[in-house]
C-alpha atoms as a PDB file:
ATOM      1  CA  MET A   1       0.000   0.000   0.000  1.00  0.00           C
ATOM      2  CA  TYR A   2       1.182   3.497  -0.893  1.00  0.00           C
ATOM      3  CA  ARG A   3       0.129   6.527   1.127  1.00  0.00           C
ATOM      4  CA  PHE A   4      -0.573   9.654  -0.900  1.00  0.00           C
ATOM      5  CA  GLY A   5      -0.816  13.096   0.640  1.00  0.00           C
ATOM      6  CA  ILE A   6      -2.775  15.699  -1.293  1.00  0.00           C
ATOM      7  CA  LEU A   7      -2.131  19.355  -0.415  1.00  0.00           C
ATOM      8  CA  PRO A   8      -4.867  21.462  -2.056  1.00  0.00           C
ATOM      9  CA  VAL A   9      -3.943  25.144  -2.178  1.00  0.00           C
ATOM     10  CA  PRO A  10      -6.861  27.628  -1.986  1.00  0.00           C
ATOM     11  CA  GLY A  11      -8.105  28.289  -5.505  1.00  0.00           C
ATOM     12  CA  PHE A  12      -7.111  24.834  -6.773  1.00  0.00           C
ATOM     13  CA  ALA A  13      -8.899  23.562  -9.889  1.00  0.00           C
ATOM     14  CA  LEU A  14     -11.385  20.750  -9.390  1.00  0.00           C
ATOM     15  CA  MET A  15     -10.386  19.162 -12.702  1.00  0.00           C
ATOM     16  CA  SER A  16      -6.745  18.873 -11.631  1.00  0.00           C
ATOM     17  CA  HIS A  17      -7.800  17.531  -8.238  1.00  0.00           C
ATOM     18  CA  ALA A  18     -10.164  14.897  -9.629  1.00  0.00           C
ATOM     19  CA  ALA A  19      -7.720  13.783 -12.333  1.00  0.00           C
ATOM     20  CA  THR A  20      -5.099  13.220  -9.612  1.00  0.00           C
ATOM     21  CA  THR A  21      -7.189  11.512  -6.941  1.00  0.00           C
ATOM     22  CA  GLU A  22      -9.904   9.608  -8.813  1.00  0.00           C
ATOM     23  CA  PRO A  23      -7.543   7.082 -10.464  1.00  0.00           C
ATOM     24  CA  LEU A  24      -6.330   6.127  -6.979  1.00  0.00           C
ATOM     25  CA  ARG A  25      -9.904   5.595  -5.770  1.00  0.00           C
ATOM     26  CA  ALA A  26     -10.708   3.514  -8.871  1.00  0.00           C
ATOM     27  CA  ALA A  27      -7.568   1.417  -8.358  1.00  0.00           C
ATOM     28  CA  ASN A  28      -8.735   0.524  -4.852  1.00  0.00           C
ATOM     29  CA  LEU A  29     -12.214  -0.290  -6.136  1.00  0.00           C
ATOM     30  CA  LEU A  30     -11.006  -2.507  -8.972  1.00  0.00           C
ATOM     31  CA  ALA A  31      -8.459  -4.285  -6.786  1.00  0.00           C
ATOM     32  CA  GLY A  32     -10.992  -4.955  -4.038  1.00  0.00           C
ATOM     33  CA  ARG A  33      -8.504  -3.740  -1.445  1.00  0.00           C
ATOM     34  CA  VAL A  34      -6.668  -0.580  -0.463  1.00  0.00           C
ATOM     35  CA  LEU A  35      -3.727  -0.098  -2.793  1.00  0.00           C
ATOM     36  CA  TYR A  36      -3.619   3.651  -2.214  1.00  0.00           C
ATOM     37  CA  ASP A  37      -4.389   5.398   1.047  1.00  0.00           C
ATOM     38  CA  VAL A  38      -5.165   9.051   0.248  1.00  0.00           C
ATOM     39  CA  VAL A  39      -5.180  11.810   2.851  1.00  0.00           C
ATOM     40  CA  HIS A  40      -5.794  15.500   2.259  1.00  0.00           C
ATOM     41  CA  VAL A  41      -3.533  17.715   4.303  1.00  0.00           C
ATOM     42  CA  ALA A  42      -3.363  21.483   4.892  1.00  0.00           C
ATOM     43  CA  PRO A  43      -1.828  23.892   7.406  1.00  0.00           C
ATOM     44  CA  THR A  44      -5.021  23.567   9.483  1.00  0.00           C
ATOM     45  CA  ARG A  45      -8.101  21.364   9.330  1.00  0.00           C
ATOM     46  CA  ASP A  46     -10.228  24.180   7.923  1.00  0.00           C
ATOM     47  CA  ALA A  47     -11.928  23.513   4.581  1.00  0.00           C
ATOM     48  CA  VAL A  48      -9.931  24.550   1.509  1.00  0.00           C
ATOM     49  CA  GLN A  49     -11.958  26.359  -1.153  1.00  0.00           C
ATOM     50  CA  SER A  50     -11.447  25.423  -4.794  1.00  0.00           C
ATOM     51  CA  SER A  51     -11.736  27.828  -7.713  1.00  0.00           C
ATOM     52  CA  GLY A  52     -15.330  26.648  -8.076  1.00  0.00           C
ATOM     53  CA  ALA A  53     -18.174  26.006  -5.657  1.00  0.00           C
ATOM     54  CA  ALA A  54     -16.694  22.948  -3.950  1.00  0.00           C
ATOM     55  CA  SER A  55     -14.230  22.751  -1.093  1.00  0.00           C
ATOM     56  CA  VAL A  56     -12.131  19.995   0.478  1.00  0.00           C
ATOM     57  CA  THR A  57     -11.924  19.344   4.203  1.00  0.00           C
ATOM     58  CA  PRO A  58      -8.447  18.061   5.098  1.00  0.00           C
ATOM     59  CA  GLY A  59      -8.142  14.836   7.036  1.00  0.00           C
ATOM     60  CA  ALA A  60      -4.807  15.919   8.500  1.00  0.00           C
ATOM     61  CA  CYS A  61      -2.800  19.048   9.208  1.00  0.00           C
ATOM     62  CA  PHE A  62       0.887  19.900   9.206  1.00  0.00           C
ATOM     63  CA  ALA A  63       1.255  19.083  12.882  1.00  0.00           C
ATOM     64  CA  ASP A  64       0.264  15.436  12.342  1.00  0.00           C
ATOM     65  CA  GLU A  65       2.632  12.520  11.767  1.00  0.00           C
ATOM     66  CA  LEU A  66       1.710  11.327   8.280  1.00  0.00           C
ATOM     67  CA  SER A  67       4.342   8.819   7.030  1.00  0.00           C
ATOM     68  CA  LEU A  68       3.689   9.597   3.358  1.00  0.00           C
ATOM     69  CA  ASP A  69       5.143   7.895   0.309  1.00  0.00           C
ATOM     70  CA  TYR A  70       3.994  10.612  -2.107  1.00  0.00           C
ATOM     71  CA  LEU A  71       2.874  14.204  -1.641  1.00  0.00           C
ATOM     72  CA  PHE A  72       1.155  16.168  -4.414  1.00  0.00           C
ATOM     73  CA  VAL A  73       0.619  19.927  -4.191  1.00  0.00           C
ATOM     74  CA  ILE A  74      -2.377  20.955  -6.322  1.00  0.00           C
ATOM     75  CA  ALA A  75      -2.541  24.702  -6.921  1.00  0.00           C
ATOM     76  CA  GLY A  76      -4.296  27.131  -9.234  1.00  0.00           C
ATOM     77  CA  GLY A  77      -5.081  30.823  -9.214  1.00  0.00           C
ATOM     78  CA  ASP A  78      -1.991  32.647  -7.957  1.00  0.00           C
ATOM     79  CA  PRO A  79       0.348  30.037  -6.445  1.00  0.00           C
ATOM     80  CA  ALA A  80       3.287  32.460  -6.491  1.00  0.00           C
ATOM     81  CA  GLY A  81       1.348  34.830  -4.249  1.00  0.00           C
ATOM     82  CA  TYR A  82       0.209  32.218  -1.741  1.00  0.00           C
ATOM     83  CA  PRO A  83       1.660  32.951   1.730  1.00  0.00           C
ATOM     84  CA  ASP A  84       4.138  30.162   2.351  1.00  0.00           C
ATOM     85  CA  ARG A  85       5.329  30.854   5.886  1.00  0.00           C
ATOM     86  CA  ALA A  86       4.157  27.414   6.992  1.00  0.00           C
ATOM     87  CA  VAL A  87       4.021  25.591   3.663  1.00  0.00           C
ATOM     88  CA  THR A  88       7.626  25.930   2.471  1.00  0.00           C
ATOM     89  CA  PRO A  89       9.315  24.558   5.617  1.00  0.00           C
ATOM     90  CA  TRP A  90       6.759  21.740   5.814  1.00  0.00           C
ATOM     91  CA  LEU A  91       7.378  20.769   2.184  1.00  0.00           C
ATOM     92  CA  SER A  92      11.112  20.821   2.831  1.00  0.00           C
ATOM     93  CA  ARG A  93      10.714  18.521   5.835  1.00  0.00           C
ATOM     94  CA  GLN A  94       8.681  16.054   3.798  1.00  0.00           C
ATOM     95  CA  ALA A  95      11.321  16.007   1.067  1.00  0.00           C
ATOM     96  CA  ARG A  96      14.127  15.475   3.588  1.00  0.00           C
ATOM     97  CA  GLY A  97      12.127  12.560   4.986  1.00  0.00           C
ATOM     98  CA  GLY A  98      12.246  10.796   1.622  1.00  0.00           C
ATOM     99  CA  VAL A  99       8.722  11.564   0.401  1.00  0.00           C
ATOM    100  CA  VAL A 100       8.368  11.691  -3.386  1.00  0.00           C
ATOM    101  CA  MET A 101       7.264  15.268  -4.033  1.00  0.00           C
ATOM    102  CA  GLY A 102       4.781  16.156  -6.762  1.00  0.00           C
ATOM    103  CA  GLY A 103       3.163  19.309  -8.084  1.00  0.00           C
ATOM    104  CA  VAL A 104       0.083  19.665 -10.277  1.00  0.00           C
ATOM    105  CA  SER A 105      -0.908  22.713 -12.378  1.00  0.00           C
ATOM    106  CA  GLY A 106       0.550  25.598 -10.319  1.00  0.00           C
ATOM    107  CA  GLY A 107       1.825  23.219  -7.636  1.00  0.00           C
ATOM    108  CA  PRO A 108       5.303  22.930  -9.207  1.00  0.00           C
ATOM    109  CA  ILE A 109       5.760  26.657  -8.539  1.00  0.00           C
ATOM    110  CA  MET A 110       5.421  26.017  -4.820  1.00  0.00           C
ATOM    111  CA  LEU A 111       7.923  23.167  -4.994  1.00  0.00           C
ATOM    112  CA  ALA A 112      10.330  25.471  -6.818  1.00  0.00           C
ATOM    113  CA  ARG A 113       9.824  28.218  -4.208  1.00  0.00           C
ATOM    114  CA  ALA A 114      10.779  25.695  -1.534  1.00  0.00           C
ATOM    115  CA  GLY A 115      14.011  24.945  -3.404  1.00  0.00           C
ATOM    116  CA  LEU A 116      12.916  21.395  -4.196  1.00  0.00           C
ATOM    117  CA  MET A 117      13.336  21.515  -7.984  1.00  0.00           C
ATOM    118  CA  ARG A 118      17.042  22.286  -8.146  1.00  0.00           C
ATOM    119  CA  ASP A 119      18.778  20.055 -10.702  1.00  0.00           C
ATOM    120  CA  ARG A 120      15.456  18.424 -11.554  1.00  0.00           C
ATOM    121  CA  ARG A 121      13.532  18.535 -14.821  1.00  0.00           C
ATOM    122  CA  MET A 122      10.036  19.886 -14.343  1.00  0.00           C
ATOM    123  CA  THR A 123       6.902  21.170 -16.002  1.00  0.00           C
ATOM    124  CA  VAL A 124       4.013  23.448 -15.011  1.00  0.00           C
ATOM    125  CA  HIS A 125       0.706  24.544 -16.550  1.00  0.00           C
ATOM    126  CA  TRP A 126       1.441  26.616 -19.664  1.00  0.00           C
ATOM    127  CA  GLU A 127      -0.307  29.649 -18.137  1.00  0.00           C
ATOM    128  CA  TYR A 128       2.417  29.886 -15.478  1.00  0.00           C
ATOM    129  CA  ALA A 129       5.386  28.826 -17.604  1.00  0.00           C
ATOM    130  CA  ALA A 130       6.390  32.246 -18.951  1.00  0.00           C
ATOM    131  CA  ALA A 131       6.306  33.892 -15.532  1.00  0.00           C
ATOM    132  CA  LEU A 132       8.204  31.045 -13.881  1.00  0.00           C
ATOM    133  CA  ALA A 133      10.886  31.062 -16.573  1.00  0.00           C
ATOM    134  CA  GLU A 134      11.242  34.825 -16.222  1.00  0.00           C
ATOM    135  CA  VAL A 135      11.729  34.894 -12.446  1.00  0.00           C
ATOM    136  CA  SER A 136      13.606  31.560 -12.168  1.00  0.00           C
ATOM    137  CA  PRO A 137      15.595  31.067 -15.379  1.00  0.00           C
ATOM    138  CA  GLU A 138      17.803  28.452 -13.701  1.00  0.00           C
ATOM    139  CA  LEU A 139      14.963  25.924 -13.544  1.00  0.00           C
ATOM    140  CA  ARG A 140      14.991  23.058 -16.054  1.00  0.00           C
ATOM    141  CA  LEU A 141      11.496  23.831 -17.317  1.00  0.00           C
ATOM    142  CA  GLU A 142       9.841  21.730 -20.024  1.00  0.00           C
ATOM    143  CA  ARG A 143       6.546  22.383 -21.836  1.00  0.00           C
ATOM    144  CA  THR A 144       5.218  18.830 -21.507  1.00  0.00           C
ATOM    145  CA  LEU A 145       2.264  17.082 -19.841  1.00  0.00           C
ATOM    146  CA  PHE A 146       4.227  15.671 -16.929  1.00  0.00           C
ATOM    147  CA  VAL A 147       7.793  14.987 -15.881  1.00  0.00           C
ATOM    148  CA  MET A 148       9.061  12.247 -13.587  1.00  0.00           C
ATOM    149  CA  ASP A 149      12.618  12.972 -12.516  1.00  0.00           C
ATOM    150  CA  ARG A 150      13.756  10.667  -9.711  1.00  0.00           C
ATOM    151  CA  ASP A 151      11.906  11.767  -6.540  1.00  0.00           C
ATOM    152  CA  ARG A 152      10.089  14.684  -8.177  1.00  0.00           C
ATOM    153  CA  ILE A 153       6.912  14.491 -10.271  1.00  0.00           C
ATOM    154  CA  THR A 154       5.436  17.595 -11.863  1.00  0.00           C
ATOM    155  CA  CYS A 155       2.327  17.854 -14.014  1.00  0.00           C
ATOM    156  CA  ALA A 156       0.647  20.540 -16.109  1.00  0.00           C
ATOM    157  CA  GLY A 157      -2.793  19.995 -14.570  1.00  0.00           C
ATOM    158  CA  GLY A 158      -6.164  19.846 -16.308  1.00  0.00           C
ATOM    159  CA  THR A 159      -6.619  16.306 -17.603  1.00  0.00           C
ATOM    160  CA  ALA A 160      -2.846  15.613 -17.689  1.00  0.00           C
ATOM    161  CA  PRO A 161      -2.844  14.031 -14.185  1.00  0.00           C
ATOM    162  CA  MET A 162      -4.869  11.161 -15.667  1.00  0.00           C
ATOM    163  CA  ASP A 163      -1.888  10.310 -17.852  1.00  0.00           C
ATOM    164  CA  MET A 164       0.540  10.887 -14.991  1.00  0.00           C
ATOM    165  CA  MET A 165      -1.382   8.605 -12.633  1.00  0.00           C
ATOM    166  CA  HIS A 166      -1.586   5.940 -15.336  1.00  0.00           C
ATOM    167  CA  ALA A 167       2.223   5.980 -15.526  1.00  0.00           C
ATOM    168  CA  LEU A 168       2.496   5.756 -11.729  1.00  0.00           C
ATOM    169  CA  ILE A 169       0.044   2.857 -11.496  1.00  0.00           C
ATOM    170  CA  VAL A 170       1.955   1.054 -14.262  1.00  0.00           C
ATOM    171  CA  SER A 171       5.132   1.369 -12.188  1.00  0.00           C
ATOM    172  CA  HIS A 172       3.351  -0.021  -9.102  1.00  0.00           C
ATOM    173  CA  HIS A 173       1.003  -2.676 -10.489  1.00  0.00           C
ATOM    174  CA  GLY A 174       1.769  -3.246 -14.143  1.00  0.00           C
ATOM    175  CA  GLN A 175       0.361  -2.235 -17.517  1.00  0.00           C
ATOM    176  CA  ASP A 176      -2.754  -4.445 -17.509  1.00  0.00           C
ATOM    177  CA  PHE A 177      -4.059  -3.148 -14.190  1.00  0.00           C
ATOM    178  CA  ALA A 178      -3.261   0.468 -15.078  1.00  0.00           C
ATOM    179  CA  ARG A 179      -5.154   0.026 -18.335  1.00  0.00           C
ATOM    180  CA  ALA A 180      -8.187  -1.268 -16.417  1.00  0.00           C
ATOM    181  CA  VAL A 181      -8.118   1.860 -14.234  1.00  0.00           C
ATOM    182  CA  SER A 182      -7.891   4.160 -17.259  1.00  0.00           C
ATOM    183  CA  ASP A 183     -10.686   2.277 -19.021  1.00  0.00           C
ATOM    184  CA  TRP A 184     -12.849   2.855 -15.941  1.00  0.00           C
ATOM    185  CA  PHE A 185     -12.817   6.552 -16.867  1.00  0.00           C
ATOM    186  CA  MET A 186     -13.074   5.994 -20.655  1.00  0.00           C
ATOM    187  CA  HIS A 187      -9.521   7.324 -20.742  1.00  0.00           C
ATOM    188  CA  THR A 188      -8.619   5.186 -23.720  1.00  0.00           C
ATOM    189  CA  GLU A 189      -5.976   7.412 -25.320  1.00  0.00           C
ATOM    190  CA  ILE A 190      -3.047   7.469 -22.908  1.00  0.00           C
ATOM    191  CA  ARG A 191      -0.734  10.365 -23.740  1.00  0.00           C
ATOM    192  CA  PRO A 192       3.036  10.164 -23.246  1.00  0.00           C
ATOM    193  CA  PRO A 193       4.680  12.521 -20.750  1.00  0.00           C
ATOM    194  CA  THR A 194       6.249  14.485 -23.589  1.00  0.00           C
ATOM    195  CA  GLY A 195       2.873  15.302 -25.147  1.00  0.00           C
ATOM    196  CA  PRO A 196       2.117  18.981 -25.843  1.00  0.00           C
ATOM    197  CA  GLN A 197       0.136  21.067 -23.362  1.00  0.00           C
ATOM    198  CA  ARG A 198      -1.558  23.262 -25.944  1.00  0.00           C
ATOM    199  CA  ALA A 199      -3.206  22.838 -29.317  1.00  0.00           C
ATOM    200  CA  SER A 200      -0.822  22.662 -32.229  1.00  0.00           C
ATOM    201  CA  LEU A 201       0.432  25.803 -33.912  1.00  0.00           C
ATOM    202  CA  VAL A 202      -1.778  24.990 -36.900  1.00  0.00           C
ATOM    203  CA  GLU A 203      -4.883  25.046 -34.706  1.00  0.00           C
ATOM    204  CA  ARG A 204      -3.879  28.178 -32.796  1.00  0.00           C
ATOM    205  CA  VAL A 205      -2.918  30.192 -35.878  1.00  0.00           C
ATOM    206  CA  GLY A 206      -5.734  28.851 -38.035  1.00  0.00           C
ATOM    207  CA  THR A 207      -3.720  28.086 -41.157  1.00  0.00           C
ATOM    208  CA  ARG A 208      -1.424  25.433 -42.606  1.00  0.00           C
ATOM    209  CA  VAL A 209       0.664  27.838 -44.715  1.00  0.00           C
ATOM    210  CA  PRO A 210       4.271  26.829 -43.885  1.00  0.00           C
ATOM    211  CA  ALA A 211       5.695  30.354 -44.201  1.00  0.00           C
ATOM    212  CA  ILE A 212       3.186  31.740 -41.692  1.00  0.00           C
ATOM    213  CA  LEU A 213       3.732  28.889 -39.249  1.00  0.00           C
ATOM    214  CA  ASP A 214       7.513  29.324 -39.430  1.00  0.00           C
ATOM    215  CA  ALA A 215       7.197  33.056 -38.831  1.00  0.00           C
ATOM    216  CA  VAL A 216       4.775  32.755 -35.910  1.00  0.00           C
ATOM    217  CA  GLU A 217       6.888  30.057 -34.287  1.00  0.00           C
ATOM    218  CA  ALA A 218       9.874  32.409 -34.522  1.00  0.00           C
ATOM    219  CA  MET A 219       7.778  35.202 -32.983  1.00  0.00           C
ATOM    220  CA  GLU A 220       6.757  33.044 -30.024  1.00  0.00           C
ATOM    221  CA  SER A 221      10.375  32.010 -29.470  1.00  0.00           C
ATOM    222  CA  ASN A 222      11.744  35.560 -29.543  1.00  0.00           C
ATOM    223  CA  ILE A 223       9.665  37.716 -27.228  1.00  0.00           C
ATOM    224  CA  ALA A 224      12.191  39.781 -25.269  1.00  0.00           C
ATOM    225  CA  ASP A 225      14.245  40.646 -28.379  1.00  0.00           C
ATOM    226  CA  PRO A 226      11.783  40.892 -31.282  1.00  0.00           C
ATOM    227  CA  LEU A 227      13.116  39.910 -34.673  1.00  0.00           C
ATOM    228  CA  PRO A 228      12.963  42.508 -37.466  1.00  0.00           C
ATOM    229  CA  LEU A 229      10.731  41.828 -40.458  1.00  0.00           C
ATOM    230  CA  PRO A 230      13.618  40.932 -42.826  1.00  0.00           C
ATOM    231  CA  GLN A 231      14.808  38.246 -40.405  1.00  0.00           C
ATOM    232  CA  LEU A 232      11.293  36.838 -40.005  1.00  0.00           C
ATOM    233  CA  ALA A 233      11.020  36.745 -43.781  1.00  0.00           C
ATOM    234  CA  ARG A 234      14.319  34.859 -44.100  1.00  0.00           C
ATOM    235  CA  ILE A 235      13.091  32.293 -41.550  1.00  0.00           C
ATOM    236  CA  ALA A 236       9.874  31.909 -43.554  1.00  0.00           C
ATOM    237  CA  GLY A 237      11.802  31.608 -46.837  1.00  0.00           C
ATOM    238  CA  LEU A 238      10.173  34.689 -48.390  1.00  0.00           C
ATOM    239  CA  SER A 239      10.963  38.311 -49.041  1.00  0.00           C
ATOM    240  CA  PRO A 240       9.519  40.867 -46.587  1.00  0.00           C
ATOM    241  CA  ARG A 241       6.993  41.978 -49.221  1.00  0.00           C
ATOM    242  CA  GLN A 242       5.894  38.392 -49.876  1.00  0.00           C
ATOM    243  CA  LEU A 243       5.553  37.680 -46.138  1.00  0.00           C
ATOM    244  CA  ASN A 244       3.389  40.769 -45.723  1.00  0.00           C
ATOM    245  CA  ARG A 245       1.170  39.663 -48.583  1.00  0.00           C
ATOM    246  CA  VAL A 246       0.810  36.101 -47.278  1.00  0.00           C
ATOM    247  CA  PHE A 247      -0.096  37.312 -43.771  1.00  0.00           C
ATOM    248  CA  ARG A 248      -2.679  39.756 -45.113  1.00  0.00           C
ATOM    249  CA  GLN A 249      -4.170  37.146 -47.411  1.00  0.00           C
ATOM    250  CA  HIS A 250      -4.542  34.356 -44.819  1.00  0.00           C
ATOM    251  CA  LEU A 251      -4.712  36.157 -41.457  1.00  0.00           C
ATOM    252  CA  GLY A 252      -5.967  39.616 -42.413  1.00  0.00           C
ATOM    253  CA  GLU A 253      -3.094  41.375 -40.638  1.00  0.00           C
ATOM    254  CA  THR A 254       0.567  42.224 -41.079  1.00  0.00           C
ATOM    255  CA  PRO A 255       3.389  40.195 -39.521  1.00  0.00           C
ATOM    256  CA  GLN A 256       4.224  43.194 -37.297  1.00  0.00           C
ATOM    257  CA  ALA A 257       0.653  43.369 -35.990  1.00  0.00           C
ATOM    258  CA  ARG A 258       0.666  39.647 -35.231  1.00  0.00           C
ATOM    259  CA  TYR A 259       4.043  39.902 -33.500  1.00  0.00           C
ATOM    260  CA  ARG A 260       2.895  42.772 -31.306  1.00  0.00           C
ATOM    261  CA  ARG A 261      -0.207  40.825 -30.246  1.00  0.00           C
ATOM    262  CA  VAL A 262       1.900  37.756 -29.420  1.00  0.00           C
ATOM    263  CA  ARG A 263       4.117  39.918 -27.193  1.00  0.00           C
ATOM    264  CA  LEU A 264       1.170  41.642 -25.541  1.00  0.00           C
ATOM    265  CA  GLU A 265      -0.503  38.302 -24.795  1.00  0.00           C
ATOM    266  CA  ARG A 266       2.741  37.174 -23.145  1.00  0.00           C
ATOM    267  CA  ALA A 267       2.795  40.451 -21.191  1.00  0.00           C
ATOM    268  CA  ARG A 268      -0.762  39.863 -20.004  1.00  0.00           C
ATOM    269  CA  ASN A 269       0.248  36.415 -18.805  1.00  0.00           C
ATOM    270  CA  LEU A 270       3.170  37.905 -16.863  1.00  0.00           C
ATOM    271  CA  LEU A 271       0.931  40.554 -15.305  1.00  0.00           C
ATOM    272  CA  ARG A 272      -1.458  37.836 -14.158  1.00  0.00           C
ATOM    273  CA  ASN A 273       1.049  35.249 -12.975  1.00  0.00           C
ATOM    274  CA  SER A 274       4.141  37.090 -11.771  1.00  0.00           C
ATOM    275  CA  ALA A 275       5.147  39.858  -9.400  1.00  0.00           C
ATOM    276  CA  LEU A 276       7.306  41.577 -12.036  1.00  0.00           C
ATOM    277  CA  SER A 277       6.960  45.355 -12.174  1.00  0.00           C
ATOM    278  CA  LEU A 278       5.413  46.996 -15.239  1.00  0.00           C
ATOM    279  CA  THR A 279       8.890  48.041 -16.376  1.00  0.00           C
ATOM    280  CA  GLU A 280      10.180  44.475 -16.002  1.00  0.00           C
ATOM    281  CA  VAL A 281       7.182  43.107 -17.916  1.00  0.00           C
ATOM    282  CA  ALA A 282       7.776  45.693 -20.659  1.00  0.00           C
ATOM    283  CA  LEU A 283      11.425  44.701 -21.040  1.00  0.00           C
ATOM    284  CA  ALA A 284      10.627  40.974 -20.893  1.00  0.00           C
ATOM    285  CA  THR A 285       8.241  41.378 -23.829  1.00  0.00           C
ATOM    286  CA  GLY A 286      10.420  43.549 -26.028  1.00  0.00           C
ATOM    287  CA  PHE A 287       9.134  47.055 -25.336  1.00  0.00           C
ATOM    288  CA  ALA A 288      11.630  49.885 -24.981  1.00  0.00           C
ATOM    289  CA  SER A 289       9.941  51.462 -21.966  1.00  0.00           C
ATOM    290  CA  SER A 290       6.984  51.085 -19.636  1.00  0.00           C
ATOM    291  CA  SER A 291       5.241  54.052 -21.297  1.00  0.00           C
ATOM    292  CA  HIS A 292       5.589  52.467 -24.745  1.00  0.00           C
ATOM    293  CA  PHE A 293       4.302  49.189 -23.326  1.00  0.00           C
ATOM    294  CA  SER A 294       1.340  50.862 -21.596  1.00  0.00           C
ATOM    295  CA  ARG A 295       0.257  52.630 -24.798  1.00  0.00           C
ATOM    296  CA  ALA A 296       0.447  49.426 -26.831  1.00  0.00           C
ATOM    297  CA  TYR A 297      -1.372  47.455 -24.126  1.00  0.00           C
ATOM    298  CA  ARG A 298      -4.203  50.003 -23.929  1.00  0.00           C
ATOM    299  CA  GLU A 299      -4.588  49.999 -27.714  1.00  0.00           C
ATOM    300  CA  GLU A 300      -4.835  46.192 -27.765  1.00  0.00           C
ATOM    301  CA  PHE A 301      -6.980  45.500 -24.691  1.00  0.00           C
ATOM    302  CA  GLY A 302      -8.730  48.807 -23.960  1.00  0.00           C
ATOM    303  CA  ASP A 303      -7.395  49.244 -20.419  1.00  0.00           C
ATOM    304  CA  PRO A 304      -3.904  50.085 -19.140  1.00  0.00           C
ATOM    305  CA  PRO A 305      -1.832  47.206 -17.735  1.00  0.00           C
ATOM    306  CA  SER A 306      -1.955  48.692 -14.238  1.00  0.00           C
ATOM    307  CA  ARG A 307      -5.746  48.392 -14.168  1.00  0.00           C
ATOM    308  CA  TYR A 308      -5.631  44.789 -15.423  1.00  0.00           C
ATOM    309  CA  ARG A 309      -3.174  43.805 -12.698  1.00  0.00           C
ATOM    310  CA  SER A 310      -5.157  45.521  -9.926  1.00  0.00           C
ATOM    311  CA  SER A 311      -8.370  43.788 -11.051  1.00  0.00           C
END
C-alpha cells in the first residue's frame, strides 16, 4: 500500500484535483482492497476552497505525523502569491524525509519556491510557464504534460494528471491493471509525458501555410528581443513583401501586428502570474519602456496594464 498526501492550495482547480485523486480511488475499487491510502492535508483542518463552488476538508494538518510515500501539491489561481510561511518549511521537511514530491498545475511553482526543484527537470501549466521562466531562469522547465525525474513528479494539470497517474500505477502494479483503471474513466488514449500542453500551432494560428507557421513560431520564441521583419522573412523563406502579402491574405493582418499581439498576450500572462513590475514586464516582452508598453497594451486591450493587474 502506498500513502498519498494531497495538499490542495486555496483556488485549486477541481479538474486537476479529480484527475489526480480519482484514479487512486478507482484502483482501490477494482483491486478490491486498499492499494492507495489518500489523505488531504493542509496547514489547518479548515476547509480549503477550490476555484469553483466545492471545497475539500483536510483529514490531516501539518502538525500530524503522516508517514507519506507521495505528496502532491495541487494549486491554481496565484500560487506564487500564496503565503508560504508554513508551507515551504513543511514541504522541505517532507522532502528530507524521503517523500516523493509532486506538483500539479501551479503546484510545481510552490515546490520550486521551496528549493525542491534544483537540478530536476520539471513542467508546469502553460499559463504559469512564462512567468516562472522569467523569475527563475535556472529551472529546467519543459513544456510537456508531466515529468518524472527521480523523486520529483510535476504535471501541467487539467486532464494531464490522468496520464501521470496511469504511468504511476503502471510502475506499481503493471500495464494491464493500469489500463483497467484508465478504461474505468473511458480514458482510452493514454498520452506520453512528452505530449504537448496546448493545441498545435496549426490550430492556434488557423492556417497550414508553412511560411506563416515558421514566422509565428519564430515570434513566439523571440519575445524579449523581437526579430525585425527581414529576419522573419528569411526564416519563412520569403521576401519581406511576400511575407506581408501572405499574412494579409490568410490572417488579415501584417506580420508586425501579429508579432505585437503575441508579445502583448505574453505580457498579459506575466501581469497575471508574476510579481514583475510593469517596467520588467515591458522589457521581458520587447518594449523599450513602460510608457511604450502601456500605450500598446491600452490599444490592444482597452485598459492600461496597471488596471488589469489591480483587477
